[in-house]
N, C-alpha and C. Protein backbone atom coordinates (compact mmCIF):
# COMPACT_ATOMS: atom_id res chain seq x y z
N MET A 1 1.44 23.23 -38.29
CA MET A 1 2.27 23.70 -37.19
C MET A 1 3.71 23.25 -37.42
N SER A 2 4.65 24.19 -37.36
CA SER A 2 6.05 23.86 -37.58
C SER A 2 6.60 23.08 -36.40
N PRO A 3 7.70 22.33 -36.60
CA PRO A 3 8.28 21.56 -35.49
C PRO A 3 8.59 22.42 -34.28
N SER A 4 9.09 23.64 -34.51
CA SER A 4 9.43 24.49 -33.37
C SER A 4 8.19 24.90 -32.59
N ASP A 5 7.04 24.95 -33.25
CA ASP A 5 5.80 25.33 -32.58
C ASP A 5 5.25 24.22 -31.70
N ARG A 6 5.81 23.02 -31.79
CA ARG A 6 5.32 21.91 -30.97
C ARG A 6 6.18 21.68 -29.73
N ARG A 7 7.20 22.48 -29.54
CA ARG A 7 8.05 22.33 -28.36
C ARG A 7 7.27 22.73 -27.12
N VAL A 8 7.37 21.92 -26.07
CA VAL A 8 6.66 22.20 -24.83
C VAL A 8 7.66 22.36 -23.69
N ILE A 9 7.28 23.15 -22.73
CA ILE A 9 8.03 23.28 -21.48
C ILE A 9 7.35 22.37 -20.47
N PHE A 10 8.13 21.53 -19.84
CA PHE A 10 7.60 20.51 -18.94
C PHE A 10 8.17 20.73 -17.54
N TYR A 11 7.26 21.00 -16.59
CA TYR A 11 7.62 21.18 -15.18
C TYR A 11 7.40 19.85 -14.47
N HIS A 12 8.47 19.36 -13.88
CA HIS A 12 8.50 17.97 -13.44
C HIS A 12 9.27 17.82 -12.14
N ALA A 13 8.80 16.90 -11.31
CA ALA A 13 9.54 16.48 -10.12
C ALA A 13 9.63 14.96 -10.15
N PRO A 14 10.82 14.41 -9.95
CA PRO A 14 10.94 12.95 -9.97
C PRO A 14 10.19 12.32 -8.81
N GLN A 15 9.85 11.05 -9.00
CA GLN A 15 9.13 10.28 -7.97
C GLN A 15 7.81 10.96 -7.60
N SER A 16 7.11 11.42 -8.63
CA SER A 16 5.81 12.05 -8.45
C SER A 16 4.92 11.66 -9.61
N ARG A 17 3.70 12.16 -9.62
CA ARG A 17 2.77 11.86 -10.71
C ARG A 17 3.30 12.31 -12.07
N SER A 18 4.19 13.28 -12.09
CA SER A 18 4.67 13.77 -13.38
C SER A 18 5.64 12.81 -14.05
N ALA A 19 6.06 11.74 -13.34
CA ALA A 19 6.92 10.74 -13.97
C ALA A 19 6.24 10.13 -15.19
N GLY A 20 4.93 9.96 -15.12
CA GLY A 20 4.21 9.41 -16.25
C GLY A 20 4.24 10.33 -17.46
N VAL A 21 4.19 11.63 -17.23
CA VAL A 21 4.24 12.57 -18.35
C VAL A 21 5.62 12.53 -19.00
N ARG A 22 6.66 12.39 -18.20
CA ARG A 22 8.00 12.24 -18.78
C ARG A 22 8.05 11.00 -19.68
N ALA A 23 7.48 9.91 -19.22
CA ALA A 23 7.43 8.69 -20.03
C ALA A 23 6.63 8.92 -21.30
N LEU A 24 5.51 9.63 -21.20
CA LEU A 24 4.68 9.90 -22.38
C LEU A 24 5.45 10.75 -23.39
N LEU A 25 6.15 11.77 -22.93
CA LEU A 25 6.92 12.61 -23.84
C LEU A 25 7.94 11.78 -24.62
N GLU A 26 8.54 10.81 -23.94
CA GLU A 26 9.49 9.93 -24.62
C GLU A 26 8.78 9.01 -25.61
N GLU A 27 7.65 8.47 -25.22
CA GLU A 27 6.89 7.62 -26.14
C GLU A 27 6.48 8.38 -27.40
N LEU A 28 6.16 9.65 -27.23
CA LEU A 28 5.74 10.48 -28.36
C LEU A 28 6.90 10.95 -29.22
N GLY A 29 8.11 10.85 -28.69
CA GLY A 29 9.24 11.46 -29.39
C GLY A 29 9.12 12.96 -29.41
N ALA A 30 8.55 13.53 -28.36
CA ALA A 30 8.23 14.95 -28.31
C ALA A 30 9.47 15.81 -28.09
N ASP A 31 9.38 17.03 -28.56
CA ASP A 31 10.41 18.04 -28.32
C ASP A 31 10.00 18.80 -27.07
N TYR A 32 10.80 18.68 -26.01
CA TYR A 32 10.41 19.35 -24.77
C TYR A 32 11.63 19.85 -24.01
N GLU A 33 11.35 20.84 -23.19
CA GLU A 33 12.35 21.45 -22.32
C GLU A 33 11.98 21.09 -20.88
N LEU A 34 12.85 20.37 -20.21
CA LEU A 34 12.56 19.89 -18.86
C LEU A 34 12.98 20.91 -17.81
N HIS A 35 12.05 21.27 -16.95
CA HIS A 35 12.33 22.10 -15.79
C HIS A 35 12.12 21.24 -14.56
N ALA A 36 13.21 20.82 -13.94
CA ALA A 36 13.13 19.90 -12.79
C ALA A 36 12.94 20.68 -11.50
N LEU A 37 12.01 20.20 -10.69
CA LEU A 37 11.72 20.79 -9.39
C LEU A 37 11.97 19.74 -8.31
N ASN A 38 12.35 20.20 -7.14
CA ASN A 38 12.66 19.31 -6.03
C ASN A 38 11.55 19.38 -5.00
N LEU A 39 10.79 18.30 -4.89
CA LEU A 39 9.68 18.27 -3.93
C LEU A 39 10.19 18.33 -2.49
N LYS A 40 11.32 17.70 -2.23
CA LYS A 40 11.82 17.62 -0.86
C LYS A 40 12.26 18.97 -0.32
N THR A 41 12.65 19.87 -1.20
CA THR A 41 13.03 21.22 -0.74
C THR A 41 11.89 22.22 -0.91
N GLY A 42 10.73 21.74 -1.37
CA GLY A 42 9.55 22.61 -1.46
C GLY A 42 9.54 23.55 -2.65
N GLN A 43 10.26 23.21 -3.71
CA GLN A 43 10.33 24.14 -4.84
C GLN A 43 8.99 24.38 -5.52
N THR A 44 8.08 23.38 -5.46
CA THR A 44 6.78 23.59 -6.11
C THR A 44 5.91 24.57 -5.34
N ARG A 45 6.31 24.92 -4.12
CA ARG A 45 5.53 25.86 -3.31
C ARG A 45 6.20 27.23 -3.22
N GLU A 46 7.27 27.40 -3.94
CA GLU A 46 7.96 28.69 -3.92
C GLU A 46 7.30 29.65 -4.91
N PRO A 47 7.44 30.96 -4.67
CA PRO A 47 6.77 31.95 -5.53
C PRO A 47 7.07 31.80 -7.02
N ALA A 48 8.30 31.42 -7.36
CA ALA A 48 8.66 31.32 -8.78
C ALA A 48 7.78 30.29 -9.49
N TYR A 49 7.51 29.16 -8.84
CA TYR A 49 6.67 28.16 -9.49
C TYR A 49 5.19 28.46 -9.31
N LEU A 50 4.81 29.01 -8.19
CA LEU A 50 3.40 29.36 -7.98
C LEU A 50 2.94 30.41 -8.99
N ALA A 51 3.87 31.20 -9.50
CA ALA A 51 3.53 32.17 -10.55
C ALA A 51 3.18 31.46 -11.85
N ILE A 52 3.67 30.24 -12.01
CA ILE A 52 3.36 29.43 -13.20
C ILE A 52 2.10 28.61 -12.95
N ASN A 53 2.10 27.86 -11.88
CA ASN A 53 0.94 27.05 -11.51
C ASN A 53 0.56 27.36 -10.07
N PRO A 54 -0.47 28.17 -9.86
CA PRO A 54 -0.85 28.57 -8.50
C PRO A 54 -1.20 27.40 -7.58
N MET A 55 -1.51 26.22 -8.17
CA MET A 55 -1.82 25.06 -7.35
C MET A 55 -0.56 24.45 -6.74
N GLY A 56 0.60 24.81 -7.25
CA GLY A 56 1.84 24.27 -6.72
C GLY A 56 2.00 22.78 -6.95
N LYS A 57 1.45 22.31 -8.05
CA LYS A 57 1.47 20.88 -8.35
C LYS A 57 2.23 20.61 -9.65
N VAL A 58 2.73 19.38 -9.74
CA VAL A 58 3.25 18.87 -11.01
C VAL A 58 2.46 17.60 -11.33
N PRO A 59 2.32 17.29 -12.62
CA PRO A 59 2.95 17.89 -13.78
C PRO A 59 2.24 19.15 -14.25
N ALA A 60 2.99 19.94 -15.02
CA ALA A 60 2.43 21.08 -15.73
C ALA A 60 3.24 21.25 -16.99
N ILE A 61 2.57 21.64 -18.05
CA ILE A 61 3.28 21.96 -19.29
C ILE A 61 2.82 23.32 -19.77
N VAL A 62 3.70 23.95 -20.53
CA VAL A 62 3.37 25.21 -21.19
C VAL A 62 3.65 25.03 -22.68
N HIS A 63 2.66 25.35 -23.49
CA HIS A 63 2.81 25.24 -24.94
C HIS A 63 2.23 26.48 -25.60
N LEU A 64 3.04 27.11 -26.43
CA LEU A 64 2.64 28.36 -27.10
C LEU A 64 2.15 29.39 -26.09
N GLY A 65 2.79 29.40 -24.93
CA GLY A 65 2.47 30.39 -23.91
C GLY A 65 1.28 30.04 -23.03
N SER A 66 0.63 28.90 -23.28
CA SER A 66 -0.55 28.53 -22.49
C SER A 66 -0.19 27.41 -21.52
N LEU A 67 -0.70 27.54 -20.30
CA LEU A 67 -0.47 26.54 -19.26
C LEU A 67 -1.52 25.44 -19.36
N ILE A 68 -1.04 24.18 -19.29
CA ILE A 68 -1.93 23.03 -19.22
C ILE A 68 -1.56 22.25 -17.98
N THR A 69 -2.53 22.05 -17.08
CA THR A 69 -2.35 21.22 -15.90
C THR A 69 -3.42 20.13 -15.92
N GLU A 70 -3.46 19.33 -14.89
CA GLU A 70 -4.40 18.22 -14.71
C GLU A 70 -4.01 17.08 -15.66
N GLN A 71 -3.79 15.93 -15.06
CA GLN A 71 -3.21 14.84 -15.83
C GLN A 71 -4.02 14.44 -17.05
N SER A 72 -5.32 14.31 -16.90
CA SER A 72 -6.11 13.88 -18.05
C SER A 72 -6.00 14.86 -19.21
N ALA A 73 -5.95 16.15 -18.90
CA ALA A 73 -5.81 17.16 -19.95
C ALA A 73 -4.44 17.08 -20.60
N ILE A 74 -3.40 16.88 -19.80
CA ILE A 74 -2.04 16.83 -20.34
C ILE A 74 -1.86 15.60 -21.24
N TYR A 75 -2.36 14.46 -20.81
CA TYR A 75 -2.19 13.24 -21.61
C TYR A 75 -2.95 13.34 -22.92
N GLN A 76 -4.11 13.96 -22.91
CA GLN A 76 -4.85 14.16 -24.15
C GLN A 76 -4.16 15.19 -25.04
N TYR A 77 -3.76 16.30 -24.44
CA TYR A 77 -3.18 17.40 -25.21
C TYR A 77 -1.91 16.96 -25.91
N LEU A 78 -1.02 16.31 -25.18
CA LEU A 78 0.26 15.92 -25.78
C LEU A 78 0.07 14.88 -26.88
N ALA A 79 -0.81 13.93 -26.66
CA ALA A 79 -1.05 12.91 -27.69
C ALA A 79 -1.66 13.53 -28.94
N ASP A 80 -2.52 14.54 -28.76
CA ASP A 80 -3.09 15.24 -29.91
C ASP A 80 -2.06 16.13 -30.60
N LEU A 81 -1.12 16.66 -29.81
CA LEU A 81 -0.09 17.54 -30.38
C LEU A 81 0.86 16.77 -31.29
N TYR A 82 1.05 15.49 -31.00
CA TYR A 82 1.93 14.63 -31.80
C TYR A 82 1.13 13.47 -32.39
N PRO A 83 0.20 13.76 -33.30
CA PRO A 83 -0.70 12.72 -33.80
C PRO A 83 0.02 11.61 -34.56
N GLU A 84 1.19 11.92 -35.13
CA GLU A 84 1.90 10.92 -35.90
C GLU A 84 2.36 9.74 -35.04
N ALA A 85 2.43 9.95 -33.71
CA ALA A 85 2.80 8.86 -32.82
C ALA A 85 1.67 7.85 -32.64
N GLY A 86 0.45 8.25 -32.98
CA GLY A 86 -0.68 7.34 -32.92
C GLY A 86 -1.16 7.00 -31.53
N LEU A 87 -0.90 7.88 -30.56
CA LEU A 87 -1.28 7.57 -29.17
C LEU A 87 -2.59 8.20 -28.74
N ALA A 88 -3.34 8.75 -29.69
CA ALA A 88 -4.67 9.28 -29.39
C ALA A 88 -5.58 9.05 -30.59
N PRO A 89 -6.65 8.28 -30.44
CA PRO A 89 -7.63 8.19 -31.52
C PRO A 89 -8.17 9.59 -31.84
N GLN A 90 -8.30 9.88 -33.10
CA GLN A 90 -8.76 11.20 -33.51
C GLN A 90 -10.28 11.23 -33.65
N MET A 91 -10.84 12.43 -33.75
CA MET A 91 -12.28 12.58 -33.95
C MET A 91 -12.70 11.80 -35.19
N GLY A 92 -13.80 11.08 -35.07
CA GLY A 92 -14.26 10.22 -36.14
C GLY A 92 -13.88 8.77 -35.95
N ASP A 93 -12.87 8.53 -35.12
CA ASP A 93 -12.48 7.17 -34.76
C ASP A 93 -13.41 6.69 -33.65
N PRO A 94 -14.00 5.49 -33.77
CA PRO A 94 -14.90 5.00 -32.73
C PRO A 94 -14.25 4.90 -31.35
N LEU A 95 -12.92 4.87 -31.30
CA LEU A 95 -12.25 4.78 -30.01
C LEU A 95 -12.00 6.12 -29.36
N ARG A 96 -12.35 7.21 -30.05
CA ARG A 96 -12.10 8.53 -29.46
C ARG A 96 -12.88 8.71 -28.16
N GLY A 97 -14.14 8.35 -28.17
CA GLY A 97 -14.95 8.50 -26.97
C GLY A 97 -14.44 7.67 -25.80
N PRO A 98 -14.18 6.36 -26.01
CA PRO A 98 -13.60 5.57 -24.92
C PRO A 98 -12.25 6.10 -24.44
N PHE A 99 -11.44 6.61 -25.34
CA PHE A 99 -10.16 7.20 -24.96
C PHE A 99 -10.37 8.34 -23.97
N LEU A 100 -11.29 9.24 -24.30
CA LEU A 100 -11.58 10.36 -23.41
C LEU A 100 -12.23 9.87 -22.12
N ARG A 101 -13.06 8.86 -22.23
CA ARG A 101 -13.72 8.31 -21.04
C ARG A 101 -12.69 7.86 -20.01
N TRP A 102 -11.70 7.09 -20.44
CA TRP A 102 -10.76 6.51 -19.48
C TRP A 102 -9.76 7.53 -18.97
N LEU A 103 -9.46 8.54 -19.74
CA LEU A 103 -8.66 9.64 -19.20
C LEU A 103 -9.44 10.36 -18.10
N ALA A 104 -10.71 10.63 -18.36
CA ALA A 104 -11.53 11.34 -17.38
C ALA A 104 -11.81 10.46 -16.16
N PHE A 105 -12.02 9.17 -16.37
CA PHE A 105 -12.30 8.25 -15.26
C PHE A 105 -11.16 8.24 -14.25
N TYR A 106 -9.94 8.38 -14.75
CA TYR A 106 -8.79 8.39 -13.85
C TYR A 106 -8.92 9.52 -12.82
N GLY A 107 -9.17 10.74 -13.30
CA GLY A 107 -9.23 11.88 -12.40
C GLY A 107 -10.52 11.99 -11.62
N SER A 108 -11.63 11.57 -12.22
CA SER A 108 -12.93 11.78 -11.58
C SER A 108 -13.32 10.66 -10.63
N SER A 109 -12.79 9.45 -10.86
CA SER A 109 -13.19 8.31 -10.03
C SER A 109 -12.00 7.66 -9.32
N PHE A 110 -10.97 7.30 -10.08
CA PHE A 110 -9.87 6.54 -9.50
C PHE A 110 -9.11 7.33 -8.44
N GLU A 111 -8.67 8.53 -8.77
CA GLU A 111 -7.89 9.33 -7.81
C GLU A 111 -8.68 9.62 -6.53
N PRO A 112 -9.93 10.09 -6.63
CA PRO A 112 -10.68 10.31 -5.38
C PRO A 112 -10.84 9.04 -4.55
N ALA A 113 -11.04 7.91 -5.21
CA ALA A 113 -11.24 6.66 -4.49
C ALA A 113 -9.98 6.22 -3.75
N VAL A 114 -8.83 6.28 -4.43
CA VAL A 114 -7.61 5.83 -3.75
C VAL A 114 -7.18 6.84 -2.69
N THR A 115 -7.51 8.10 -2.87
CA THR A 115 -7.20 9.09 -1.84
C THR A 115 -8.00 8.81 -0.57
N ASP A 116 -9.29 8.55 -0.74
CA ASP A 116 -10.10 8.20 0.43
C ASP A 116 -9.56 6.95 1.11
N LYS A 117 -9.15 5.96 0.31
CA LYS A 117 -8.63 4.72 0.90
C LYS A 117 -7.32 4.99 1.63
N ALA A 118 -6.44 5.78 1.03
CA ALA A 118 -5.16 6.08 1.66
C ALA A 118 -5.35 6.82 2.98
N MET A 119 -6.34 7.70 3.01
CA MET A 119 -6.60 8.49 4.22
C MET A 119 -7.51 7.76 5.21
N LYS A 120 -7.91 6.53 4.83
CA LYS A 120 -8.81 5.73 5.67
C LYS A 120 -10.11 6.46 5.97
N ARG A 121 -10.63 7.11 4.91
CA ARG A 121 -11.89 7.84 5.03
C ARG A 121 -13.01 7.06 4.36
N ASP A 122 -14.20 7.13 4.95
CA ASP A 122 -15.36 6.58 4.28
C ASP A 122 -15.73 7.47 3.09
N PRO A 123 -16.21 6.87 2.00
CA PRO A 123 -16.64 7.71 0.88
C PRO A 123 -17.85 8.54 1.26
N ALA A 124 -18.08 9.58 0.48
CA ALA A 124 -19.28 10.38 0.67
C ALA A 124 -20.51 9.53 0.36
N PRO A 125 -21.70 9.98 0.77
CA PRO A 125 -22.91 9.24 0.41
C PRO A 125 -22.98 9.02 -1.10
N PRO A 126 -23.57 7.91 -1.54
CA PRO A 126 -23.59 7.59 -2.97
C PRO A 126 -24.08 8.72 -3.87
N SER A 127 -25.03 9.50 -3.39
CA SER A 127 -25.56 10.57 -4.23
C SER A 127 -24.56 11.71 -4.43
N MET A 128 -23.51 11.75 -3.62
CA MET A 128 -22.52 12.82 -3.73
C MET A 128 -21.12 12.32 -4.08
N CYS A 129 -20.89 11.03 -3.98
CA CYS A 129 -19.55 10.47 -4.20
C CYS A 129 -19.26 10.34 -5.70
N PRO A 130 -18.13 10.86 -6.17
CA PRO A 130 -17.84 10.81 -7.60
C PRO A 130 -17.56 9.41 -8.12
N TYR A 131 -17.20 8.48 -7.24
CA TYR A 131 -16.85 7.13 -7.70
C TYR A 131 -17.80 6.05 -7.19
N GLY A 132 -18.80 6.39 -6.45
CA GLY A 132 -19.74 5.40 -5.93
C GLY A 132 -19.16 4.65 -4.75
N ASP A 133 -18.44 3.58 -5.02
CA ASP A 133 -17.71 2.87 -3.96
C ASP A 133 -16.44 2.28 -4.57
N PHE A 134 -15.46 2.02 -3.74
CA PHE A 134 -14.13 1.62 -4.22
C PHE A 134 -14.18 0.32 -5.01
N ASP A 135 -14.88 -0.67 -4.50
CA ASP A 135 -14.89 -1.98 -5.16
C ASP A 135 -15.51 -1.90 -6.55
N THR A 136 -16.59 -1.13 -6.68
CA THR A 136 -17.21 -0.99 -8.00
C THR A 136 -16.28 -0.27 -8.96
N MET A 137 -15.62 0.78 -8.46
CA MET A 137 -14.67 1.52 -9.29
C MET A 137 -13.58 0.60 -9.81
N MET A 138 -12.96 -0.21 -8.92
CA MET A 138 -11.88 -1.10 -9.34
C MET A 138 -12.40 -2.22 -10.25
N ALA A 139 -13.57 -2.71 -9.97
CA ALA A 139 -14.14 -3.75 -10.84
C ALA A 139 -14.37 -3.21 -12.25
N THR A 140 -14.73 -1.94 -12.34
CA THR A 140 -14.97 -1.32 -13.64
C THR A 140 -13.68 -1.24 -14.45
N ILE A 141 -12.60 -0.78 -13.82
CA ILE A 141 -11.34 -0.68 -14.55
C ILE A 141 -10.77 -2.07 -14.84
N GLU A 142 -10.91 -3.01 -13.91
CA GLU A 142 -10.40 -4.36 -14.17
C GLU A 142 -11.14 -5.04 -15.32
N ALA A 143 -12.42 -4.82 -15.40
CA ALA A 143 -13.19 -5.40 -16.50
C ALA A 143 -12.68 -4.85 -17.84
N GLN A 144 -12.36 -3.57 -17.87
CA GLN A 144 -11.83 -2.98 -19.10
C GLN A 144 -10.45 -3.55 -19.43
N LEU A 145 -9.61 -3.70 -18.43
CA LEU A 145 -8.27 -4.22 -18.66
C LEU A 145 -8.30 -5.70 -19.07
N SER A 146 -9.30 -6.42 -18.62
CA SER A 146 -9.40 -7.84 -18.94
C SER A 146 -9.54 -8.09 -20.43
N ALA A 147 -10.09 -7.12 -21.16
CA ALA A 147 -10.27 -7.26 -22.60
C ALA A 147 -8.97 -6.97 -23.34
N GLY A 148 -7.98 -6.44 -22.68
CA GLY A 148 -6.63 -6.04 -23.08
C GLY A 148 -6.18 -6.44 -24.48
N PRO A 149 -4.89 -6.30 -24.72
CA PRO A 149 -3.83 -6.05 -23.73
C PRO A 149 -3.75 -4.62 -23.21
N TYR A 150 -4.48 -3.70 -23.87
CA TYR A 150 -4.43 -2.30 -23.45
C TYR A 150 -5.81 -1.84 -23.05
N ILE A 151 -5.89 -0.62 -22.55
CA ILE A 151 -7.16 -0.15 -22.03
C ILE A 151 -8.20 0.02 -23.13
N LEU A 152 -7.74 0.22 -24.37
CA LEU A 152 -8.66 0.27 -25.50
C LEU A 152 -8.57 -0.99 -26.35
N GLY A 153 -8.25 -2.10 -25.71
CA GLY A 153 -8.18 -3.36 -26.43
C GLY A 153 -6.79 -3.57 -27.03
N ASP A 154 -6.73 -3.64 -28.35
CA ASP A 154 -5.45 -3.90 -29.02
C ASP A 154 -4.63 -2.64 -29.25
N ARG A 155 -5.18 -1.48 -28.93
CA ARG A 155 -4.50 -0.23 -29.27
C ARG A 155 -3.86 0.42 -28.05
N PHE A 156 -2.56 0.64 -28.12
CA PHE A 156 -1.82 1.34 -27.07
C PHE A 156 -1.99 2.85 -27.27
N THR A 157 -2.34 3.56 -26.19
CA THR A 157 -2.53 5.01 -26.28
C THR A 157 -1.89 5.68 -25.07
N SER A 158 -1.96 6.99 -25.06
CA SER A 158 -1.42 7.74 -23.92
C SER A 158 -2.17 7.39 -22.64
N ALA A 159 -3.41 6.93 -22.75
CA ALA A 159 -4.16 6.53 -21.56
C ALA A 159 -3.46 5.37 -20.85
N ASP A 160 -2.79 4.51 -21.60
CA ASP A 160 -2.08 3.40 -20.99
C ASP A 160 -0.85 3.86 -20.21
N VAL A 161 -0.21 4.91 -20.68
CA VAL A 161 0.92 5.45 -19.92
C VAL A 161 0.42 5.97 -18.57
N LEU A 162 -0.69 6.69 -18.62
CA LEU A 162 -1.28 7.22 -17.39
C LEU A 162 -1.66 6.09 -16.44
N TRP A 163 -2.47 5.15 -16.92
CA TRP A 163 -2.99 4.09 -16.07
C TRP A 163 -1.91 3.09 -15.65
N GLY A 164 -1.04 2.71 -16.57
CA GLY A 164 -0.04 1.72 -16.24
C GLY A 164 0.89 2.17 -15.13
N LEU A 165 1.35 3.43 -15.21
CA LEU A 165 2.27 3.92 -14.19
C LEU A 165 1.55 4.28 -12.90
N ALA A 166 0.32 4.76 -13.01
CA ALA A 166 -0.44 5.06 -11.79
C ALA A 166 -0.74 3.78 -11.01
N LEU A 167 -1.16 2.74 -11.71
CA LEU A 167 -1.45 1.49 -11.02
C LEU A 167 -0.18 0.89 -10.41
N LYS A 168 0.96 1.08 -11.06
CA LYS A 168 2.22 0.61 -10.47
C LYS A 168 2.47 1.29 -9.14
N TRP A 169 2.28 2.61 -9.09
CA TRP A 169 2.46 3.35 -7.84
C TRP A 169 1.48 2.85 -6.78
N MET A 170 0.23 2.67 -7.16
CA MET A 170 -0.78 2.28 -6.18
C MET A 170 -0.56 0.86 -5.67
N LEU A 171 -0.04 -0.02 -6.52
CA LEU A 171 0.34 -1.35 -6.06
C LEU A 171 1.45 -1.25 -5.03
N GLY A 172 2.42 -0.39 -5.31
CA GLY A 172 3.54 -0.22 -4.40
C GLY A 172 3.11 0.27 -3.03
N PHE A 173 2.08 1.10 -2.99
CA PHE A 173 1.58 1.62 -1.72
C PHE A 173 0.49 0.74 -1.11
N GLY A 174 0.15 -0.35 -1.77
CA GLY A 174 -0.87 -1.26 -1.26
C GLY A 174 -2.28 -0.71 -1.33
N LEU A 175 -2.51 0.22 -2.24
CA LEU A 175 -3.83 0.85 -2.33
C LEU A 175 -4.75 0.16 -3.31
N VAL A 176 -4.20 -0.68 -4.18
CA VAL A 176 -5.03 -1.52 -5.04
C VAL A 176 -4.52 -2.95 -4.91
N ASP A 177 -5.39 -3.90 -5.15
CA ASP A 177 -5.01 -5.30 -5.05
C ASP A 177 -4.20 -5.73 -6.26
N GLY A 178 -3.20 -6.54 -6.03
CA GLY A 178 -2.37 -7.04 -7.12
C GLY A 178 -3.00 -8.25 -7.78
N THR A 179 -4.15 -8.06 -8.38
CA THR A 179 -4.81 -9.15 -9.09
C THR A 179 -3.99 -9.51 -10.32
N PRO A 180 -4.15 -10.72 -10.84
CA PRO A 180 -3.40 -11.09 -12.05
C PRO A 180 -3.60 -10.11 -13.20
N VAL A 181 -4.81 -9.61 -13.37
CA VAL A 181 -5.09 -8.68 -14.47
C VAL A 181 -4.31 -7.38 -14.27
N VAL A 182 -4.36 -6.82 -13.08
CA VAL A 182 -3.67 -5.56 -12.82
C VAL A 182 -2.16 -5.74 -12.90
N LYS A 183 -1.64 -6.78 -12.32
CA LYS A 183 -0.19 -7.00 -12.32
C LYS A 183 0.34 -7.22 -13.74
N ALA A 184 -0.39 -7.97 -14.53
CA ALA A 184 0.05 -8.21 -15.91
C ALA A 184 0.03 -6.92 -16.72
N TYR A 185 -0.98 -6.12 -16.51
CA TYR A 185 -1.08 -4.84 -17.23
C TYR A 185 0.06 -3.91 -16.83
N VAL A 186 0.32 -3.79 -15.55
CA VAL A 186 1.40 -2.93 -15.07
C VAL A 186 2.74 -3.38 -15.64
N GLU A 187 2.97 -4.67 -15.66
CA GLU A 187 4.22 -5.21 -16.21
C GLU A 187 4.32 -4.92 -17.71
N ARG A 188 3.22 -5.08 -18.41
CA ARG A 188 3.20 -4.86 -19.86
C ARG A 188 3.56 -3.41 -20.20
N ILE A 189 2.97 -2.48 -19.48
CA ILE A 189 3.24 -1.07 -19.77
C ILE A 189 4.63 -0.68 -19.28
N GLY A 190 4.98 -1.13 -18.09
CA GLY A 190 6.25 -0.73 -17.50
C GLY A 190 7.46 -1.29 -18.20
N SER A 191 7.29 -2.34 -19.01
CA SER A 191 8.43 -2.95 -19.69
C SER A 191 8.70 -2.35 -21.07
N ARG A 192 7.89 -1.39 -21.49
CA ARG A 192 8.14 -0.75 -22.78
C ARG A 192 9.48 -0.01 -22.73
N PRO A 193 10.31 -0.15 -23.76
CA PRO A 193 11.67 0.41 -23.70
C PRO A 193 11.74 1.89 -23.36
N LYS A 194 10.87 2.71 -23.93
CA LYS A 194 10.95 4.14 -23.65
C LYS A 194 10.48 4.47 -22.24
N ILE A 195 9.57 3.67 -21.72
CA ILE A 195 9.12 3.89 -20.35
C ILE A 195 10.21 3.45 -19.37
N VAL A 196 10.89 2.36 -19.69
CA VAL A 196 12.03 1.93 -18.88
C VAL A 196 13.11 3.00 -18.87
N ALA A 197 13.41 3.57 -20.05
CA ALA A 197 14.45 4.59 -20.14
C ALA A 197 14.06 5.85 -19.36
N ALA A 198 12.79 6.23 -19.44
CA ALA A 198 12.32 7.41 -18.71
C ALA A 198 12.42 7.18 -17.20
N ALA A 199 12.09 5.97 -16.75
CA ALA A 199 12.18 5.66 -15.32
C ALA A 199 13.63 5.70 -14.85
N LYS A 200 14.55 5.23 -15.68
CA LYS A 200 15.97 5.27 -15.33
C LYS A 200 16.46 6.71 -15.21
N ALA A 201 16.08 7.54 -16.18
CA ALA A 201 16.47 8.95 -16.14
C ALA A 201 15.89 9.66 -14.93
N ASP A 202 14.66 9.26 -14.56
CA ASP A 202 14.01 9.88 -13.41
C ASP A 202 14.71 9.47 -12.11
N ALA A 203 15.13 8.21 -12.04
CA ALA A 203 15.86 7.76 -10.84
C ALA A 203 17.17 8.50 -10.71
N GLU A 204 17.82 8.74 -11.81
CA GLU A 204 19.09 9.48 -11.79
C GLU A 204 18.86 10.92 -11.35
N LEU A 205 17.78 11.52 -11.82
CA LEU A 205 17.45 12.89 -11.41
C LEU A 205 17.15 12.95 -9.92
N ALA A 206 16.39 11.99 -9.42
CA ALA A 206 16.07 11.95 -7.99
C ALA A 206 17.34 11.81 -7.16
N ALA A 207 18.25 10.95 -7.61
CA ALA A 207 19.50 10.76 -6.88
C ALA A 207 20.33 12.04 -6.87
N ALA A 208 20.35 12.74 -8.00
CA ALA A 208 21.11 13.98 -8.09
C ALA A 208 20.53 15.04 -7.15
N GLN A 209 19.20 15.08 -7.05
CA GLN A 209 18.57 16.06 -6.16
C GLN A 209 18.85 15.75 -4.70
N GLN A 210 19.02 14.49 -4.37
CA GLN A 210 19.26 14.10 -2.99
C GLN A 210 20.72 14.26 -2.59
N ALA A 211 21.60 14.33 -3.59
CA ALA A 211 23.05 14.41 -3.29
C ALA A 211 23.41 15.74 -2.64
């Protein structure tokens, strides 16, 4: 695939879940075209964007004319698109399965659990609940992080960008406990130079949108 064939279009709104994808693109050294949307003015719900992503959500990327949404898919896709960055174990690597596991765990267990907690809702019965119960879900991710420094042990991957920034947001909203393991992990990921730079650029974009 030629360099021009790896260029992606990135639909993004600052101070949202897509901030992590912006950080990932920087970590990858990816070639991308940023399309900034303003959540406060409802741009993600306007017809122009709904024609791209009918869910009206960010992040979303378009590559070679194909739309990719859902965070776990985007983090896997981009890391695979730029394999030279080394942020995704490839097929045949024993870490490939765990890498996919933790990307999927984020969307299938973590997000539903924190949403229920934020809304002060009881989880569904165990036989129907995707995450079982909140404490077990958090204990599972904390046990994995305890083996650190990264979610796959010594190897930093795109999954860490997803989890590190998501946990930072959830700590800020008081939805997860600031245990030493979680706080140390969030600090470790958030202090990476390219992630710091992406956060600075995102803050500047948010300020410009508010002006």
